[in-house]
Amino acid sequence: MAKPNGEFLGTGFAEVKENKLWYKENVVFNESGEYIVKIQQAMRENGKANGVVNLEGITDVGFRIEEPAAK
């Protein structure tokens, strides 16, 4: 992810950056056990209908569930 001028967003060194995007807040998992999370990108080039299959420069994707901060 980058600003319109091409400057990379996130924290890190050189071209390797870490970004944190919030997906949902205040979600409650009522049942104990294992959950399956599927992550899919849906990027496409401007003016084109077909999506981009491979995101150049993306080396890793992670997903983390965090407890909300105490209020």
N, C-alpha and C. Protein backbone atom coordinates (compact mmCIF):
# COMPACT_ATOMS: atom_id res chain seq x y z
N MET A 1 0.84 -1.17 0.00
CA MET A 1 0.00 0.00 0.00
C MET A 1 0.89 1.23 0.00
N ALA A 2 0.45 2.21 -0.77
CA ALA A 2 1.27 3.41 -0.89
C ALA A 2 0.37 4.63 -1.04
N LYS A 3 0.96 5.77 -0.73
CA LYS A 3 0.30 7.05 -0.95
C LYS A 3 0.28 7.32 -2.46
N PRO A 4 -0.54 8.26 -2.92
CA PRO A 4 -0.58 8.57 -4.35
C PRO A 4 0.78 8.94 -4.95
N ASN A 5 1.69 9.48 -4.11
CA ASN A 5 3.01 9.86 -4.62
C ASN A 5 3.98 8.68 -4.67
N GLY A 6 3.54 7.48 -4.27
CA GLY A 6 4.37 6.29 -4.32
C GLY A 6 5.06 5.95 -3.02
N GLU A 7 4.98 6.82 -2.01
CA GLU A 7 5.60 6.55 -0.71
C GLU A 7 4.87 5.41 -0.02
N PHE A 8 5.64 4.39 0.41
CA PHE A 8 5.03 3.23 1.05
C PHE A 8 4.44 3.60 2.40
N LEU A 9 3.29 3.01 2.72
CA LEU A 9 2.65 3.18 4.02
C LEU A 9 3.10 2.05 4.94
N GLY A 10 2.98 2.24 6.24
CA GLY A 10 3.32 1.20 7.19
C GLY A 10 4.64 1.47 7.86
N THR A 11 5.07 0.49 8.67
CA THR A 11 6.32 0.63 9.39
C THR A 11 7.28 -0.45 8.92
N GLY A 12 8.56 -0.16 8.99
CA GLY A 12 9.56 -1.15 8.59
C GLY A 12 10.74 -0.49 7.93
N PHE A 13 11.62 -1.31 7.37
CA PHE A 13 12.85 -0.84 6.75
C PHE A 13 12.80 -1.04 5.25
N ALA A 14 13.39 -0.09 4.52
CA ALA A 14 13.50 -0.16 3.05
C ALA A 14 12.13 -0.42 2.43
N GLU A 15 12.03 -1.45 1.62
CA GLU A 15 10.76 -1.73 0.93
C GLU A 15 9.88 -2.73 1.67
N VAL A 16 10.37 -3.29 2.79
CA VAL A 16 9.56 -4.23 3.57
C VAL A 16 8.80 -3.44 4.62
N LYS A 17 7.48 -3.42 4.50
CA LYS A 17 6.64 -2.64 5.40
C LYS A 17 5.57 -3.52 6.03
N GLU A 18 5.18 -3.16 7.22
CA GLU A 18 4.09 -3.84 7.90
C GLU A 18 2.92 -2.87 8.02
N ASN A 19 1.75 -3.33 7.61
CA ASN A 19 0.53 -2.53 7.70
C ASN A 19 -0.48 -3.28 8.54
N LYS A 20 -1.24 -2.56 9.34
CA LYS A 20 -2.30 -3.17 10.12
C LYS A 20 -3.62 -2.56 9.67
N LEU A 21 -4.48 -3.41 9.17
CA LEU A 21 -5.81 -2.98 8.73
C LEU A 21 -6.85 -3.63 9.63
N TRP A 22 -7.76 -2.84 10.11
CA TRP A 22 -8.82 -3.36 10.96
C TRP A 22 -9.94 -3.89 10.08
N TYR A 23 -10.35 -5.13 10.32
CA TYR A 23 -11.43 -5.73 9.54
C TYR A 23 -12.78 -5.51 10.22
N LYS A 24 -12.93 -6.01 11.41
CA LYS A 24 -14.18 -5.83 12.16
C LYS A 24 -13.83 -5.59 13.62
N GLU A 25 -14.70 -4.88 14.30
CA GLU A 25 -14.52 -4.65 15.73
C GLU A 25 -15.75 -5.16 16.47
N ASN A 26 -15.56 -5.45 17.74
CA ASN A 26 -16.65 -5.89 18.63
C ASN A 26 -17.32 -7.17 18.16
N VAL A 27 -16.54 -8.08 17.57
CA VAL A 27 -17.06 -9.39 17.18
C VAL A 27 -16.86 -10.33 18.36
N VAL A 28 -17.89 -11.12 18.68
CA VAL A 28 -17.81 -12.05 19.80
C VAL A 28 -17.86 -13.47 19.25
N PHE A 29 -16.90 -14.29 19.68
CA PHE A 29 -16.89 -15.71 19.33
C PHE A 29 -17.54 -16.46 20.48
N ASN A 30 -18.81 -16.82 20.32
CA ASN A 30 -19.58 -17.42 21.41
C ASN A 30 -19.24 -18.87 21.67
N GLU A 31 -18.71 -19.57 20.68
CA GLU A 31 -18.42 -20.99 20.86
C GLU A 31 -16.92 -21.22 20.89
N SER A 32 -16.47 -22.04 21.83
CA SER A 32 -15.05 -22.36 21.88
C SER A 32 -14.73 -23.37 20.78
N GLY A 33 -13.48 -23.40 20.38
CA GLY A 33 -13.06 -24.33 19.34
C GLY A 33 -12.25 -23.63 18.27
N GLU A 34 -12.04 -24.33 17.18
CA GLU A 34 -11.25 -23.79 16.09
C GLU A 34 -12.16 -23.13 15.05
N TYR A 35 -11.71 -22.02 14.53
CA TYR A 35 -12.41 -21.31 13.47
C TYR A 35 -11.51 -21.30 12.24
N ILE A 36 -12.10 -21.28 11.07
CA ILE A 36 -11.35 -21.20 9.82
C ILE A 36 -11.54 -19.81 9.24
N VAL A 37 -10.43 -19.15 8.92
CA VAL A 37 -10.46 -17.82 8.33
C VAL A 37 -9.86 -17.93 6.93
N LYS A 38 -10.58 -17.46 5.94
CA LYS A 38 -10.08 -17.45 4.57
C LYS A 38 -9.86 -16.00 4.15
N ILE A 39 -8.66 -15.72 3.62
CA ILE A 39 -8.30 -14.37 3.19
C ILE A 39 -8.12 -14.39 1.68
N GLN A 40 -8.74 -13.42 1.02
CA GLN A 40 -8.67 -13.35 -0.44
C GLN A 40 -8.51 -11.89 -0.84
N GLN A 41 -7.63 -11.61 -1.78
CA GLN A 41 -7.47 -10.25 -2.27
C GLN A 41 -8.37 -10.05 -3.48
N ALA A 42 -8.77 -8.81 -3.71
CA ALA A 42 -9.68 -8.50 -4.82
C ALA A 42 -9.23 -7.21 -5.51
N MET A 43 -7.94 -7.12 -5.78
CA MET A 43 -7.41 -5.91 -6.42
C MET A 43 -7.52 -6.04 -7.94
N ARG A 44 -7.73 -4.91 -8.58
CA ARG A 44 -7.72 -4.90 -10.05
C ARG A 44 -7.12 -3.58 -10.53
N GLU A 45 -6.71 -3.57 -11.77
CA GLU A 45 -6.12 -2.37 -12.35
C GLU A 45 -7.23 -1.41 -12.78
N ASN A 46 -6.96 -0.12 -12.69
CA ASN A 46 -7.94 0.88 -13.10
C ASN A 46 -8.37 0.65 -14.55
N GLY A 47 -9.64 0.66 -14.79
CA GLY A 47 -10.18 0.52 -16.13
C GLY A 47 -10.27 -0.90 -16.63
N LYS A 48 -9.88 -1.88 -15.83
CA LYS A 48 -9.94 -3.28 -16.24
C LYS A 48 -10.88 -4.05 -15.33
N ALA A 49 -11.66 -4.96 -15.92
CA ALA A 49 -12.65 -5.71 -15.16
C ALA A 49 -12.03 -6.91 -14.45
N ASN A 50 -11.04 -7.54 -15.07
CA ASN A 50 -10.44 -8.74 -14.47
C ASN A 50 -9.52 -8.36 -13.33
N GLY A 51 -9.53 -9.17 -12.30
CA GLY A 51 -8.70 -8.91 -11.14
C GLY A 51 -7.25 -9.26 -11.35
N VAL A 52 -6.39 -8.71 -10.50
CA VAL A 52 -4.97 -9.01 -10.51
C VAL A 52 -4.78 -10.34 -9.77
N VAL A 53 -4.15 -11.32 -10.41
CA VAL A 53 -3.99 -12.64 -9.81
C VAL A 53 -2.90 -12.62 -8.74
N ASN A 54 -1.74 -12.08 -9.08
CA ASN A 54 -0.61 -12.05 -8.14
C ASN A 54 -0.28 -10.60 -7.81
N LEU A 55 -0.16 -10.31 -6.52
CA LEU A 55 0.19 -8.97 -6.09
C LEU A 55 1.71 -8.87 -5.99
N GLU A 56 2.32 -8.16 -6.92
CA GLU A 56 3.77 -8.01 -6.96
C GLU A 56 4.26 -7.32 -5.69
N GLY A 57 5.29 -7.87 -5.07
CA GLY A 57 5.88 -7.27 -3.89
C GLY A 57 5.28 -7.74 -2.57
N ILE A 58 4.16 -8.44 -2.59
CA ILE A 58 3.57 -8.95 -1.36
C ILE A 58 4.28 -10.26 -1.01
N THR A 59 4.92 -10.30 0.15
CA THR A 59 5.68 -11.48 0.52
C THR A 59 4.98 -12.32 1.58
N ASP A 60 4.06 -11.72 2.34
CA ASP A 60 3.44 -12.45 3.43
C ASP A 60 2.16 -11.74 3.84
N VAL A 61 1.20 -12.51 4.32
CA VAL A 61 -0.06 -11.96 4.83
C VAL A 61 -0.35 -12.67 6.14
N GLY A 62 -0.75 -11.92 7.14
CA GLY A 62 -1.09 -12.51 8.42
C GLY A 62 -2.46 -12.04 8.88
N PHE A 63 -3.00 -12.73 9.85
CA PHE A 63 -4.31 -12.41 10.40
C PHE A 63 -4.21 -12.65 11.90
N ARG A 64 -4.63 -11.65 12.67
CA ARG A 64 -4.54 -11.80 14.13
C ARG A 64 -5.84 -11.32 14.76
N ILE A 65 -6.28 -12.05 15.75
CA ILE A 65 -7.47 -11.66 16.53
C ILE A 65 -6.97 -11.12 17.86
N GLU A 66 -7.39 -9.92 18.20
CA GLU A 66 -6.94 -9.27 19.42
C GLU A 66 -8.12 -8.98 20.33
N GLU A 67 -7.86 -9.07 21.62
CA GLU A 67 -8.87 -8.64 22.58
C GLU A 67 -8.92 -7.14 22.59
N PRO A 68 -10.11 -6.55 22.76
CA PRO A 68 -10.19 -5.09 22.78
C PRO A 68 -9.46 -4.52 23.99
N ALA A 69 -8.96 -3.32 23.81
CA ALA A 69 -8.28 -2.63 24.91
C ALA A 69 -9.31 -2.27 25.98
N ALA A 70 -8.88 -2.28 27.22
CA ALA A 70 -9.78 -1.92 28.33
C ALA A 70 -10.16 -0.44 28.19
N LYS A 71 -11.41 -0.16 28.48
CA LYS A 71 -11.91 1.22 28.36
C LYS A 71 -11.87 1.91 29.68
